[in-house]
């Protein structure tokens, strides 16, 4: 992959890591195993020339136990990653991970420079893992704009989640202008990734539609 990306002048930025165990799990043994399961992805990111891996902040169901457990898991992982000059990023992915105030308090307490966030425009459902708000079935949702604003000071990447668009190319249920104004106001200077999860376009067309909408809105807010 590294040889192919180099040949095509593609820059690799981060690896999104799923299903390697709960970094905020209550069981000490299983949490340690989850931490160690992520080591291989840190080394892969280093080989690929990435700056970060994205991890999930899942674990205990009690908020105080979750916080203490995640502080332990993330501290171990971030300290290990620092030796390879790789960042560990938390993305809002539902349940406690979409409680931006809680996640920001954990990052503050750990206080390591290579621990940050990957704020996603979607994924703000507090009552379901992965946090999708696409189909309207979420029972409890964190305010998406407040969430992005709260996580942005620690962001080393931003994920522009997209579902479906109006005929004029404007996103239906995420206000991209409001989101990008938050990004601009906080002087974020990294990359904005595109993640299309809509149902009305093919994946490729959805990515192109999201890219165009991002570019249109970005031009608008810079002119204003």
C-alpha atoms as a PDB file:
ATOM      1  CA  UNK A   1       0.000   0.000   0.000  1.00  0.00           C
ATOM      2  CA  UNK A   2       2.827   2.387   0.809  1.00  0.00           C
ATOM      3  CA  UNK A   3       4.517   1.698  -2.529  1.00  0.00           C
ATOM      4  CA  UNK A   4       1.257   2.166  -4.438  1.00  0.00           C
ATOM      5  CA  UNK A   5       0.329   5.381  -2.648  1.00  0.00           C
ATOM      6  CA  UNK A   6       3.819   6.804  -3.204  1.00  0.00           C
ATOM      7  CA  UNK A   7       3.608   5.951  -6.909  1.00  0.00           C
ATOM      8  CA  UNK A   8       0.302   7.836  -7.164  1.00  0.00           C
ATOM      9  CA  UNK A   9       1.430  10.784  -4.995  1.00  0.00           C
ATOM     10  CA  UNK A  10      -1.244   9.947  -2.416  1.00  0.00           C
ATOM     11  CA  UNK A  11      -0.617  11.173   1.126  1.00  0.00           C
ATOM     12  CA  UNK A  12      -1.789   8.824   3.899  1.00  0.00           C
ATOM     13  CA  UNK A  13      -3.069  10.691   6.955  1.00  0.00           C
ATOM     14  CA  UNK A  14      -4.746   8.375   9.444  1.00  0.00           C
ATOM     15  CA  UNK A  15      -5.996   4.842   9.970  1.00  0.00           C
ATOM     16  CA  UNK A  16      -9.461   4.309  11.449  1.00  0.00           C
ATOM     17  CA  UNK A  17      -9.291   1.393  13.877  1.00  0.00           C
ATOM     18  CA  UNK A  18     -12.407  -0.568  14.911  1.00  0.00           C
ATOM     19  CA  UNK A  19     -13.156  -3.811  16.742  1.00  0.00           C
ATOM     20  CA  UNK A  20      -9.907  -4.112  18.711  1.00  0.00           C
ATOM     21  CA  UNK A  21     -11.511  -4.065  22.165  1.00  0.00           C
ATOM     22  CA  UNK A  22     -12.848  -1.415  24.538  1.00  0.00           C
ATOM     23  CA  UNK A  23     -10.242   1.094  25.705  1.00  0.00           C
ATOM     24  CA  UNK A  24     -12.690   2.208  28.396  1.00  0.00           C
ATOM     25  CA  UNK A  25     -13.714  -1.269  29.515  1.00  0.00           C
ATOM     26  CA  UNK A  26     -14.116  -1.976  33.210  1.00  0.00           C
ATOM     27  CA  UNK A  27     -12.204  -5.288  33.191  1.00  0.00           C
ATOM     28  CA  UNK A  28      -8.504  -4.547  33.658  1.00  0.00           C
ATOM     29  CA  UNK A  29      -7.308  -7.586  31.708  1.00  0.00           C
ATOM     30  CA  UNK A  30      -9.595  -6.983  28.730  1.00  0.00           C
ATOM     31  CA  UNK A  31      -8.751  -3.275  28.702  1.00  0.00           C
ATOM     32  CA  UNK A  32      -5.036  -4.072  28.659  1.00  0.00           C
ATOM     33  CA  UNK A  33      -5.627  -6.487  25.788  1.00  0.00           C
ATOM     34  CA  UNK A  34      -7.515  -3.751  23.900  1.00  0.00           C
ATOM     35  CA  UNK A  35      -4.610  -1.346  24.375  1.00  0.00           C
ATOM     36  CA  UNK A  36      -2.126  -3.913  23.068  1.00  0.00           C
ATOM     37  CA  UNK A  37      -4.386  -4.792  20.124  1.00  0.00           C
ATOM     38  CA  UNK A  38      -3.959  -1.215  18.890  1.00  0.00           C
ATOM     39  CA  UNK A  39      -0.149  -1.383  18.852  1.00  0.00           C
ATOM     40  CA  UNK A  40      -0.050  -3.056  15.430  1.00  0.00           C
ATOM     41  CA  UNK A  41      -2.041  -0.152  13.951  1.00  0.00           C
ATOM     42  CA  UNK A  42       0.348   2.393  15.419  1.00  0.00           C
ATOM     43  CA  UNK A  43       3.215   0.600  13.642  1.00  0.00           C
ATOM     44  CA  UNK A  44       1.171   0.345  10.433  1.00  0.00           C
ATOM     45  CA  UNK A  45       0.444   4.091  10.596  1.00  0.00           C
ATOM     46  CA  UNK A  46       4.146   4.791  11.004  1.00  0.00           C
ATOM     47  CA  UNK A  47       4.999   2.668   7.954  1.00  0.00           C
ATOM     48  CA  UNK A  48       2.253   4.320   5.893  1.00  0.00           C
ATOM     49  CA  UNK A  49       3.406   7.833   6.797  1.00  0.00           C
ATOM     50  CA  UNK A  50       0.204   8.666   8.702  1.00  0.00           C
ATOM     51  CA  UNK A  51       0.112  11.172  11.541  1.00  0.00           C
ATOM     52  CA  UNK A  52      -2.629   9.415  13.552  1.00  0.00           C
ATOM     53  CA  UNK A  53      -4.836   6.462  14.242  1.00  0.00           C
ATOM     54  CA  UNK A  54      -8.492   6.982  15.137  1.00  0.00           C
ATOM     55  CA  UNK A  55      -9.752   4.860  18.026  1.00  0.00           C
ATOM     56  CA  UNK A  56     -13.157   4.314  19.643  1.00  0.00           C
ATOM     57  CA  UNK A  57     -13.975   5.425  23.175  1.00  0.00           C
ATOM     58  CA  UNK A  58     -16.252   2.559  24.174  1.00  0.00           C
ATOM     59  CA  UNK A  59     -16.394   0.710  27.467  1.00  0.00           C
ATOM     60  CA  UNK A  60     -18.138   0.694  30.820  1.00  0.00           C
ATOM     61  CA  UNK A  61     -21.778   1.766  31.119  1.00  0.00           C
ATOM     62  CA  UNK A  62     -21.294   3.668  34.383  1.00  0.00           C
ATOM     63  CA  UNK A  63     -19.965   7.169  33.541  1.00  0.00           C
ATOM     64  CA  UNK A  64     -17.508   7.399  36.443  1.00  0.00           C
ATOM     65  CA  UNK A  65     -16.099   3.904  35.803  1.00  0.00           C
ATOM     66  CA  UNK A  66     -15.968   4.653  32.079  1.00  0.00           C
ATOM     67  CA  UNK A  67     -14.016   7.858  32.642  1.00  0.00           C
ATOM     68  CA  UNK A  68     -11.444   6.263  34.959  1.00  0.00           C
ATOM     69  CA  UNK A  69     -11.056   3.240  32.676  1.00  0.00           C
ATOM     70  CA  UNK A  70     -10.708   5.298  29.501  1.00  0.00           C
ATOM     71  CA  UNK A  71      -8.141   7.574  31.135  1.00  0.00           C
ATOM     72  CA  UNK A  72      -6.075   4.474  31.905  1.00  0.00           C
ATOM     73  CA  UNK A  73      -6.504   2.913  28.458  1.00  0.00           C
ATOM     74  CA  UNK A  74      -5.865   6.078  26.475  1.00  0.00           C
ATOM     75  CA  UNK A  75      -2.896   7.109  28.629  1.00  0.00           C
ATOM     76  CA  UNK A  76      -1.181   3.788  27.990  1.00  0.00           C
ATOM     77  CA  UNK A  77      -1.938   3.899  24.268  1.00  0.00           C
ATOM     78  CA  UNK A  78      -0.933   7.525  23.747  1.00  0.00           C
ATOM     79  CA  UNK A  79       2.337   7.038  25.627  1.00  0.00           C
ATOM     80  CA  UNK A  80       3.150   4.014  23.468  1.00  0.00           C
ATOM     81  CA  UNK A  81       2.206   5.906  20.279  1.00  0.00           C
ATOM     82  CA  UNK A  82       4.369   8.874  21.251  1.00  0.00           C
ATOM     83  CA  UNK A  83       7.467   6.711  20.801  1.00  0.00           C
ATOM     84  CA  UNK A  84       6.469   6.301  17.134  1.00  0.00           C
ATOM     85  CA  UNK A  85       5.391   9.964  16.793  1.00  0.00           C
ATOM     86  CA  UNK A  86       1.787   8.905  16.122  1.00  0.00           C
ATOM     87  CA  UNK A  87      -1.318  10.672  17.446  1.00  0.00           C
ATOM     88  CA  UNK A  88      -4.288   8.903  19.051  1.00  0.00           C
ATOM     89  CA  UNK A  89      -7.600  10.501  18.026  1.00  0.00           C
ATOM     90  CA  UNK A  90     -11.054   9.953  19.518  1.00  0.00           C
ATOM     91  CA  UNK A  91     -14.034  10.242  17.177  1.00  0.00           C
ATOM     92  CA  UNK A  92     -17.587  10.739  18.405  1.00  0.00           C
ATOM     93  CA  UNK A  93     -19.107   7.335  17.673  1.00  0.00           C
ATOM     94  CA  UNK A  94     -22.135   7.150  19.919  1.00  0.00           C
ATOM     95  CA  UNK A  95     -22.776   6.385  23.608  1.00  0.00           C
ATOM     96  CA  UNK A  96     -20.318   8.188  25.933  1.00  0.00           C
ATOM     97  CA  UNK A  97     -17.942   8.918  23.031  1.00  0.00           C
ATOM     98  CA  UNK A  98     -20.528  11.395  21.703  1.00  0.00           C
ATOM     99  CA  UNK A  99     -20.654  13.265  25.001  1.00  0.00           C
ATOM    100  CA  UNK A 100     -18.224  15.962  23.924  1.00  0.00           C
ATOM    101  CA  UNK A 101     -17.961  17.537  27.360  1.00  0.00           C
ATOM    102  CA  UNK A 102     -17.014  14.190  28.928  1.00  0.00           C
ATOM    103  CA  UNK A 103     -14.482  13.357  26.210  1.00  0.00           C
ATOM    104  CA  UNK A 104     -12.877  16.803  26.376  1.00  0.00           C
ATOM    105  CA  UNK A 105     -12.564  16.481  30.172  1.00  0.00           C
ATOM    106  CA  UNK A 106     -10.775  13.139  29.719  1.00  0.00           C
ATOM    107  CA  UNK A 107      -8.364  14.628  27.179  1.00  0.00           C
ATOM    108  CA  UNK A 108      -7.642  17.552  29.509  1.00  0.00           C
ATOM    109  CA  UNK A 109      -6.959  15.218  32.421  1.00  0.00           C
ATOM    110  CA  UNK A 110      -4.601  12.970  30.450  1.00  0.00           C
ATOM    111  CA  UNK A 111      -2.870  16.052  29.014  1.00  0.00           C
ATOM    112  CA  UNK A 112      -0.659  14.425  26.380  1.00  0.00           C
ATOM    113  CA  UNK A 113       0.169  16.341  23.178  1.00  0.00           C
ATOM    114  CA  UNK A 114      -0.425  13.348  20.888  1.00  0.00           C
ATOM    115  CA  UNK A 115      -3.936  12.665  22.227  1.00  0.00           C
ATOM    116  CA  UNK A 116      -6.680  14.509  20.345  1.00  0.00           C
ATOM    117  CA  UNK A 117      -9.994  14.278  18.562  1.00  0.00           C
ATOM    118  CA  UNK A 118     -11.515  13.655  15.156  1.00  0.00           C
ATOM    119  CA  UNK A 119     -14.828  15.555  15.367  1.00  0.00           C
ATOM    120  CA  UNK A 120     -17.471  14.085  13.054  1.00  0.00           C
ATOM    121  CA  UNK A 121     -20.389  16.206  11.802  1.00  0.00           C
ATOM    122  CA  UNK A 122     -22.686  13.216  12.420  1.00  0.00           C
ATOM    123  CA  UNK A 123     -22.548  10.398  14.997  1.00  0.00           C
ATOM    124  CA  UNK A 124     -24.054  12.343  17.903  1.00  0.00           C
ATOM    125  CA  UNK A 125     -26.497   9.721  19.170  1.00  0.00           C
ATOM    126  CA  UNK A 126     -25.907   9.080  22.879  1.00  0.00           C
ATOM    127  CA  UNK A 127     -28.213   6.067  23.025  1.00  0.00           C
ATOM    128  CA  UNK A 128     -26.622   3.859  20.350  1.00  0.00           C
ATOM    129  CA  UNK A 129     -23.146   2.619  19.491  1.00  0.00           C
ATOM    130  CA  UNK A 130     -21.634   4.241  16.365  1.00  0.00           C
ATOM    131  CA  UNK A 131     -23.987   7.178  16.927  1.00  0.00           C
ATOM    132  CA  UNK A 132     -25.713   7.504  13.558  1.00  0.00           C
ATOM    133  CA  UNK A 133     -28.533  10.051  13.403  1.00  0.00           C
ATOM    134  CA  UNK A 134     -29.458   9.385   9.790  1.00  0.00           C
ATOM    135  CA  UNK A 135     -32.791   7.586  10.144  1.00  0.00           C
ATOM    136  CA  UNK A 136     -34.320   9.613  12.994  1.00  0.00           C
ATOM    137  CA  UNK A 137     -34.414   6.656  15.394  1.00  0.00           C
ATOM    138  CA  UNK A 138     -31.950   8.082  17.933  1.00  0.00           C
ATOM    139  CA  UNK A 139     -33.576   8.404  21.372  1.00  0.00           C
ATOM    140  CA  UNK A 140     -31.061  10.869  22.837  1.00  0.00           C
ATOM    141  CA  UNK A 141     -28.776  13.116  20.834  1.00  0.00           C
ATOM    142  CA  UNK A 142     -25.966  15.483  21.790  1.00  0.00           C
ATOM    143  CA  UNK A 143     -26.192  18.853  20.057  1.00  0.00           C
ATOM    144  CA  UNK A 144     -24.028  18.325  16.934  1.00  0.00           C
ATOM    145  CA  UNK A 145     -22.829  21.925  16.693  1.00  0.00           C
ATOM    146  CA  UNK A 146     -21.999  22.185  20.378  1.00  0.00           C
ATOM    147  CA  UNK A 147     -20.260  18.820  20.142  1.00  0.00           C
ATOM    148  CA  UNK A 148     -18.065  19.814  17.199  1.00  0.00           C
ATOM    149  CA  UNK A 149     -17.272  23.150  18.846  1.00  0.00           C
ATOM    150  CA  UNK A 150     -16.265  21.396  22.089  1.00  0.00           C
ATOM    151  CA  UNK A 151     -14.007  18.840  20.391  1.00  0.00           C
ATOM    152  CA  UNK A 152     -12.374  21.205  17.869  1.00  0.00           C
ATOM    153  CA  UNK A 153      -9.706  22.608  20.230  1.00  0.00           C
ATOM    154  CA  UNK A 154      -8.199  19.100  20.376  1.00  0.00           C
ATOM    155  CA  UNK A 155      -8.801  18.196  16.713  1.00  0.00           C
ATOM    156  CA  UNK A 156      -6.046  16.815  14.506  1.00  0.00           C
ATOM    157  CA  UNK A 157      -8.575  16.043  11.767  1.00  0.00           C
ATOM    158  CA  UNK A 158     -12.259  16.680  10.989  1.00  0.00           C
ATOM    159  CA  UNK A 159     -14.725  14.245   9.432  1.00  0.00           C
ATOM    160  CA  UNK A 160     -17.411  15.745   7.203  1.00  0.00           C
ATOM    161  CA  UNK A 161     -20.189  13.175   7.571  1.00  0.00           C
ATOM    162  CA  UNK A 162     -22.839  13.328   4.863  1.00  0.00           C
ATOM    163  CA  UNK A 163     -26.149  11.583   4.376  1.00  0.00           C
ATOM    164  CA  UNK A 164     -28.549  12.871   1.718  1.00  0.00           C
ATOM    165  CA  UNK A 165     -28.742  16.118  -0.270  1.00  0.00           C
ATOM    166  CA  UNK A 166     -31.421  18.409  -1.643  1.00  0.00           C
ATOM    167  CA  UNK A 167     -31.645  18.771  -5.423  1.00  0.00           C
ATOM    168  CA  UNK A 168     -29.585  21.984  -5.227  1.00  0.00           C
ATOM    169  CA  UNK A 169     -26.683  20.108  -3.600  1.00  0.00           C
ATOM    170  CA  UNK A 170     -27.241  21.391  -0.058  1.00  0.00           C
ATOM    171  CA  UNK A 171     -27.131  18.808   2.696  1.00  0.00           C
ATOM    172  CA  UNK A 172     -30.535  18.057   4.183  1.00  0.00           C
ATOM    173  CA  UNK A 173     -30.034  17.666   7.921  1.00  0.00           C
ATOM    174  CA  UNK A 174     -26.542  18.979   8.681  1.00  0.00           C
ATOM    175  CA  UNK A 175     -25.919  22.710   8.329  1.00  0.00           C
ATOM    176  CA  UNK A 176     -22.508  22.654   6.641  1.00  0.00           C
ATOM    177  CA  UNK A 177     -22.192  26.426   6.774  1.00  0.00           C
ATOM    178  CA  UNK A 178     -22.644  26.393  10.540  1.00  0.00           C
ATOM    179  CA  UNK A 179     -20.193  23.511  10.921  1.00  0.00           C
ATOM    180  CA  UNK A 180     -17.506  25.071   8.732  1.00  0.00           C
ATOM    181  CA  UNK A 181     -17.867  28.416  10.470  1.00  0.00           C
ATOM    182  CA  UNK A 182     -16.999  26.598  13.696  1.00  0.00           C
ATOM    183  CA  UNK A 183     -13.962  25.080  11.977  1.00  0.00           C
ATOM    184  CA  UNK A 184     -12.911  28.479  10.625  1.00  0.00           C
ATOM    185  CA  UNK A 185     -13.478  30.320  13.911  1.00  0.00           C
ATOM    186  CA  UNK A 186     -11.276  27.898  15.832  1.00  0.00           C
ATOM    187  CA  UNK A 187      -8.505  28.191  13.209  1.00  0.00           C
ATOM    188  CA  UNK A 188      -8.368  24.482  12.453  1.00  0.00           C
ATOM    189  CA  UNK A 189      -5.541  23.970   9.978  1.00  0.00           C
ATOM    190  CA  UNK A 190      -5.670  20.252   9.215  1.00  0.00           C
ATOM    191  CA  UNK A 191      -7.501  18.068   6.722  1.00  0.00           C
ATOM    192  CA  UNK A 192     -11.262  17.609   6.446  1.00  0.00           C
ATOM    193  CA  UNK A 193     -12.150  14.054   5.490  1.00  0.00           C
ATOM    194  CA  UNK A 194     -15.291  13.026   3.617  1.00  0.00           C
ATOM    195  CA  UNK A 195     -17.504  10.212   4.893  1.00  0.00           C
ATOM    196  CA  UNK A 196     -20.656   9.640   2.849  1.00  0.00           C
ATOM    197  CA  UNK A 197     -23.260   7.330   4.426  1.00  0.00           C
ATOM    198  CA  UNK A 198     -26.332   8.373   2.443  1.00  0.00           C
ATOM    199  CA  UNK A 199     -28.778   6.054   0.722  1.00  0.00           C
ATOM    200  CA  UNK A 200     -29.664   7.970  -2.453  1.00  0.00           C
ATOM    201  CA  UNK A 201     -26.294   8.165  -4.238  1.00  0.00           C
ATOM    202  CA  UNK A 202     -23.563   5.664  -4.937  1.00  0.00           C
ATOM    203  CA  UNK A 203     -20.582   5.888  -2.628  1.00  0.00           C
ATOM    204  CA  UNK A 204     -18.451   7.560  -5.298  1.00  0.00           C
ATOM    205  CA  UNK A 205     -21.173  10.052  -6.284  1.00  0.00           C
ATOM    206  CA  UNK A 206     -21.904  10.752  -2.620  1.00  0.00           C
ATOM    207  CA  UNK A 207     -18.251  11.564  -1.985  1.00  0.00           C
ATOM    208  CA  UNK A 208     -18.199  13.902  -5.012  1.00  0.00           C
ATOM    209  CA  UNK A 209     -21.425  15.610  -3.865  1.00  0.00           C
ATOM    210  CA  UNK A 210     -20.012  16.088  -0.365  1.00  0.00           C
ATOM    211  CA  UNK A 211     -16.738  17.468  -1.729  1.00  0.00           C
ATOM    212  CA  UNK A 212     -18.581  19.971  -3.923  1.00  0.00           C
ATOM    213  CA  UNK A 213     -20.809  21.090  -1.056  1.00  0.00           C
ATOM    214  CA  UNK A 214     -17.770  21.522   1.202  1.00  0.00           C
ATOM    215  CA  UNK A 215     -15.973  23.599  -1.423  1.00  0.00           C
ATOM    216  CA  UNK A 216     -19.041  25.742  -2.153  1.00  0.00           C
ATOM    217  CA  UNK A 217     -19.670  26.487   1.516  1.00  0.00           C
ATOM    218  CA  UNK A 218     -15.986  27.102   2.247  1.00  0.00           C
ATOM    219  CA  UNK A 219     -15.769  29.689  -0.547  1.00  0.00           C
ATOM    220  CA  UNK A 220     -18.917  31.366   0.747  1.00  0.00           C
ATOM    221  CA  UNK A 221     -17.760  31.738   4.341  1.00  0.00           C
ATOM    222  CA  UNK A 222     -14.305  32.991   3.339  1.00  0.00           C
ATOM    223  CA  UNK A 223     -15.805  35.633   1.037  1.00  0.00           C
ATOM    224  CA  UNK A 224     -18.108  36.771   3.828  1.00  0.00           C
END
